[in-house]
Amino acid sequence: MTGNRQPDPLPHRPADRLAVLDLGVMRYAPAMELQDRMAAERAEETRGDTLILLEHTHVYTLGRNAADTDFLLPKHELERQGIDIVRTGRGGQTTYHGPGQLVAYPILNLRRLAIGVADYVGMIELAVSSFLRELGIEPRTDPDHRGVWVGTEKIAAVGIRVSRQVTTHGFALNVRPDMTRYSGIVPCGIRDRGVTSLSLLERDMEMTEVKKRIADAFAWAFGYDGVFAGAEKKGGS
């Protein structure tokens, strides 16, 4: 795997605060509807930068580069097992979301942050890496395979979309999901590497604690002064 060079955190901006919304467990479709609405509000400057944190019910999501060969089991069999299959507008290939995995959807204005798309992905990786280092885990990044790795196993996947300079989708951190669910796909289209989780690395943590620490690491990496808890109607479950 390639080296582990990462960017520096963005400059501290005392006037900027980050809204953090904890939405519990949601199915994928209503979460996407909420993201789209909030992204439109952010583009119109009627909402500030926001970080959505949640867990999804079982779902395989297909990015713009996904292929049928990403699936190792027939799609009808996966659907029989109660796993939704959804094509999305994010980058990347096929991945899994489910209970025990923290999914983060940042709704940010990149123009106001004065960064480009590649820098944005690097800052996400920096935030997750900082969180892992606090737990005594040495993370790695790879410019050819974005996300955060521990050795040759991915612990956090990154897949984003940017429209009108506003971000949607984001990253997913394996806390303690059912790792057997990855056996139905080639995660992110990478056949010669694996996946891991905090639980497999013997770092068992409550999801509420992971959410708090990820939000703090994200605020640090992106230069926000602090975070505050917000409330948002889910619009579905």
Protein backbone atom coordinates (compact mmCIF):
# COMPACT_ATOMS: atom_id res chain seq x y z
CA MET A 1 0.00 0.00 0.00
CA THR A 2 1.20 3.51 -0.71
CA GLY A 3 2.32 6.09 1.85
CA ASN A 4 0.29 7.82 4.52
CA ARG A 5 0.77 11.51 3.77
CA GLN A 6 -2.24 13.56 4.85
CA PRO A 7 -3.15 17.25 4.70
CA ASP A 8 -3.03 19.64 7.62
CA PRO A 9 -6.34 20.64 9.21
CA LEU A 10 -8.02 23.73 7.82
CA PRO A 11 -7.39 27.03 9.62
CA HIS A 12 -9.50 27.61 12.71
CA ARG A 13 -12.50 29.84 11.96
CA PRO A 14 -13.95 31.11 15.28
CA ALA A 15 -17.13 32.40 13.66
CA ASP A 16 -18.07 29.08 12.05
CA ARG A 17 -19.99 26.39 13.87
CA LEU A 18 -21.08 22.98 12.67
CA ALA A 19 -24.59 21.63 13.22
CA VAL A 20 -24.52 17.92 14.08
CA LEU A 21 -27.73 15.94 13.61
CA ASP A 22 -27.97 12.46 15.12
CA LEU A 23 -30.80 10.68 13.28
CA GLY A 24 -30.51 7.23 14.83
CA VAL A 25 -31.37 4.40 12.41
CA MET A 26 -32.94 5.21 9.02
CA ARG A 27 -33.61 3.44 5.76
CA TYR A 28 -31.52 4.72 2.89
CA ALA A 29 -34.21 6.36 0.72
CA PRO A 30 -35.60 8.82 3.29
CA ALA A 31 -32.05 9.73 4.31
CA MET A 32 -31.28 10.65 0.70
CA GLU A 33 -34.43 12.74 0.47
CA LEU A 34 -33.39 14.60 3.60
CA GLN A 35 -29.87 15.14 2.24
CA ASP A 36 -31.20 16.55 -1.02
CA ARG A 37 -33.46 19.00 0.80
CA MET A 38 -30.71 20.12 3.15
CA ALA A 39 -28.20 20.47 0.29
CA ALA A 40 -30.64 22.75 -1.55
CA GLU A 41 -31.03 24.83 1.61
CA ARG A 42 -27.25 25.02 1.97
CA ALA A 43 -26.84 26.15 -1.64
CA GLU A 44 -29.44 28.87 -1.01
CA GLU A 45 -27.65 29.93 2.21
CA THR A 46 -30.72 29.19 4.35
CA ARG A 47 -28.83 26.52 6.30
CA GLY A 48 -25.32 26.41 7.69
CA ASP A 49 -22.83 23.57 7.34
CA THR A 50 -24.27 20.38 8.81
CA LEU A 51 -23.00 16.90 9.68
CA ILE A 52 -25.63 14.15 9.64
CA LEU A 53 -24.80 11.03 11.68
CA LEU A 54 -26.88 7.86 11.47
CA GLU A 55 -27.01 4.12 10.96
CA HIS A 56 -28.80 2.57 8.01
CA THR A 57 -30.89 -0.55 7.81
CA HIS A 58 -29.23 -3.20 5.62
CA VAL A 59 -28.50 -1.82 2.16
CA TYR A 60 -26.02 -2.17 -0.69
CA THR A 61 -25.43 1.12 -2.47
CA LEU A 62 -24.03 1.43 -5.97
CA GLY A 63 -21.92 4.44 -6.92
CA ARG A 64 -21.43 5.83 -10.41
CA ASN A 65 -18.67 3.31 -11.18
CA ALA A 66 -20.48 0.24 -9.85
CA ALA A 67 -20.65 -2.89 -12.02
CA ASP A 68 -22.70 -6.10 -11.93
CA THR A 69 -19.47 -7.96 -11.19
CA ASP A 70 -19.38 -6.19 -7.80
CA PHE A 71 -22.07 -8.65 -6.65
CA LEU A 72 -21.02 -12.14 -5.58
CA LEU A 73 -24.58 -13.37 -4.99
CA PRO A 74 -27.66 -12.90 -7.20
CA LYS A 75 -29.42 -9.65 -6.43
CA HIS A 76 -32.72 -11.48 -5.86
CA GLU A 77 -31.03 -13.56 -3.15
CA LEU A 78 -29.72 -10.44 -1.44
CA GLU A 79 -33.16 -8.87 -1.59
CA ARG A 80 -34.65 -12.10 -0.18
CA GLN A 81 -32.32 -11.63 2.79
CA GLY A 82 -33.89 -8.23 3.40
CA ILE A 83 -31.06 -6.14 1.96
CA ASP A 84 -32.08 -3.14 -0.13
CA ILE A 85 -30.11 -2.41 -3.32
CA VAL A 86 -29.99 1.26 -4.30
CA ARG A 87 -28.18 3.06 -7.12
CA THR A 88 -26.86 6.44 -6.02
CA GLY A 89 -25.25 9.55 -7.47
CA ARG A 90 -22.08 9.36 -5.39
CA GLY A 91 -18.67 8.39 -6.70
CA GLY A 92 -17.14 4.96 -6.21
CA GLN A 93 -18.51 1.47 -6.66
CA THR A 94 -20.54 -0.83 -4.40
CA THR A 95 -20.55 -0.83 -0.62
CA TYR A 96 -22.61 -2.01 2.34
CA HIS A 97 -24.37 -0.01 5.05
CA GLY A 98 -26.14 -1.47 8.05
CA PRO A 99 -26.66 -1.38 11.81
CA GLY A 100 -23.41 -1.07 13.73
CA GLN A 101 -21.83 1.10 11.04
CA LEU A 102 -21.63 4.87 11.54
CA VAL A 103 -22.58 6.76 8.39
CA ALA A 104 -21.75 10.45 8.16
CA TYR A 105 -23.23 12.81 5.58
CA PRO A 106 -21.58 16.26 5.60
CA ILE A 107 -23.63 19.02 3.94
CA LEU A 108 -20.93 21.64 3.39
CA ASN A 109 -20.29 24.57 1.07
CA LEU A 110 -16.83 23.97 -0.42
CA ARG A 111 -16.63 27.48 -1.83
CA ARG A 112 -16.92 28.96 1.65
CA LEU A 113 -14.30 26.50 2.89
CA ALA A 114 -12.04 27.47 -0.06
CA ILE A 115 -11.14 23.87 -0.89
CA GLY A 116 -11.59 21.63 -3.91
CA VAL A 117 -13.07 18.15 -4.15
CA ALA A 118 -9.75 16.28 -3.77
CA ASP A 119 -8.86 18.37 -0.71
CA TYR A 120 -12.29 17.67 0.75
CA VAL A 121 -11.79 13.90 0.50
CA GLY A 122 -8.38 14.27 2.10
CA MET A 123 -9.88 16.21 5.02
CA ILE A 124 -12.47 13.47 5.60
CA GLU A 125 -9.67 10.90 5.71
CA LEU A 126 -7.74 13.15 8.11
CA ALA A 127 -10.73 13.39 10.48
CA VAL A 128 -11.28 9.62 10.58
CA SER A 129 -7.54 8.97 10.92
CA SER A 130 -7.32 11.36 13.86
CA PHE A 131 -10.16 9.53 15.61
CA LEU A 132 -8.48 6.16 15.06
CA ARG A 133 -5.12 7.36 16.34
CA GLU A 134 -6.81 8.42 19.58
CA LEU A 135 -7.78 4.77 19.98
CA GLY A 136 -4.24 3.54 19.38
CA ILE A 137 -4.98 2.37 15.83
CA GLU A 138 -2.52 3.34 13.09
CA PRO A 139 -4.52 4.25 9.95
CA ARG A 140 -3.31 4.42 6.37
CA THR A 141 -4.60 6.18 3.28
CA ASP A 142 -4.11 5.40 -0.38
CA PRO A 143 -4.64 7.94 -3.19
CA ASP A 144 -5.55 5.10 -5.56
CA HIS A 145 -8.18 3.64 -3.20
CA ARG A 146 -9.76 6.40 -1.14
CA GLY A 147 -10.94 5.79 2.38
CA VAL A 148 -9.11 4.84 5.56
CA TRP A 149 -7.28 1.55 5.97
CA VAL A 150 -5.71 -0.47 8.76
CA GLY A 151 -3.01 -2.46 7.04
CA THR A 152 -4.69 -3.93 3.97
CA GLU A 153 -8.21 -3.80 5.38
CA LYS A 154 -10.60 -0.89 4.95
CA ILE A 155 -12.26 0.45 8.07
CA ALA A 156 -13.88 3.57 6.57
CA ALA A 157 -15.24 4.00 3.05
CA VAL A 158 -15.57 7.41 1.39
CA GLY A 159 -17.99 8.23 -1.43
CA ILE A 160 -19.09 11.79 -2.14
CA ARG A 161 -21.08 13.96 -4.49
CA VAL A 162 -20.69 17.72 -5.06
CA SER A 163 -23.32 19.86 -6.79
CA ARG A 164 -23.43 23.67 -6.78
CA GLN A 165 -20.33 23.47 -4.55
CA VAL A 166 -22.37 21.69 -1.84
CA THR A 167 -21.43 18.20 -0.66
CA THR A 168 -23.66 15.19 -0.09
CA HIS A 169 -23.02 11.53 0.73
CA GLY A 170 -19.83 11.15 2.76
CA PHE A 171 -18.18 8.34 4.70
CA ALA A 172 -18.98 5.16 6.62
CA LEU A 173 -17.00 3.84 9.60
CA ASN A 174 -17.29 0.20 10.62
CA VAL A 175 -17.90 0.13 14.37
CA ARG A 176 -19.46 -3.29 14.92
CA PRO A 177 -21.60 -4.18 11.87
CA ASP A 178 -22.43 -7.70 10.76
CA MET A 179 -19.29 -8.22 8.69
CA THR A 180 -20.75 -11.28 6.95
CA ARG A 181 -22.87 -8.85 4.91
CA TYR A 182 -19.74 -7.90 2.96
CA SER A 183 -19.58 -11.45 1.58
CA GLY A 184 -22.29 -10.61 -0.96
CA ILE A 185 -20.21 -7.97 -2.75
CA VAL A 186 -16.71 -6.92 -3.77
CA PRO A 187 -16.45 -3.90 -1.42
CA CYS A 188 -15.57 -0.78 -3.43
CA GLY A 189 -14.60 -3.07 -6.33
CA ILE A 190 -11.29 -4.04 -4.63
CA ARG A 191 -10.73 -7.79 -4.75
CA ASP A 192 -7.31 -8.15 -3.14
CA ARG A 193 -7.99 -6.37 0.17
CA GLY A 194 -10.39 -6.87 3.04
CA VAL A 195 -12.57 -4.93 5.46
CA THR A 196 -12.36 -4.56 9.22
CA SER A 197 -14.13 -2.83 12.11
CA LEU A 198 -13.42 -1.32 15.51
CA SER A 199 -14.85 -4.44 17.09
CA LEU A 200 -12.53 -6.75 15.13
CA LEU A 201 -9.64 -4.55 16.24
CA GLU A 202 -10.77 -5.03 19.86
CA ARG A 203 -11.95 -1.44 20.28
CA ASP A 204 -15.52 -1.99 21.45
CA MET A 205 -17.28 1.35 21.88
CA GLU A 206 -20.84 2.52 22.22
CA MET A 207 -22.15 4.16 19.06
CA THR A 208 -23.05 7.33 20.97
CA GLU A 209 -19.41 7.76 22.01
CA VAL A 210 -18.17 7.10 18.47
CA LYS A 211 -20.55 9.73 17.10
CA LYS A 212 -19.37 12.35 19.58
CA ARG A 213 -15.70 11.69 18.92
CA ILE A 214 -16.12 11.58 15.14
CA ALA A 215 -18.01 14.89 15.25
CA ASP A 216 -15.20 16.45 17.30
CA ALA A 217 -12.53 15.08 14.92
CA PHE A 218 -14.48 16.34 11.90
CA ALA A 219 -14.82 19.83 13.42
CA TRP A 220 -11.08 19.88 14.17
CA ALA A 221 -10.08 18.79 10.65
CA PHE A 222 -12.34 21.35 8.95
CA GLY A 223 -11.54 24.23 11.29
CA TYR A 224 -14.96 24.71 12.91
CA ASP A 225 -15.08 26.45 16.26
CA GLY A 226 -17.37 23.85 17.78
CA VAL A 227 -20.42 21.71 17.25
CA PHE A 228 -23.94 21.84 18.55
CA ALA A 229 -26.68 19.25 18.55
CA GLY A 230 -29.60 19.91 16.25
CA ALA A 231 -32.94 18.25 15.70
CA GLU A 232 -34.44 17.28 12.38
CA LYS A 233 -37.60 15.40 11.49
CA LYS A 234 -36.59 12.13 9.90
CA GLY A 235 -39.36 11.95 7.35
CA GLY A 236 -39.29 8.14 7.39
CA SER A 237 -37.70 5.14 9.03
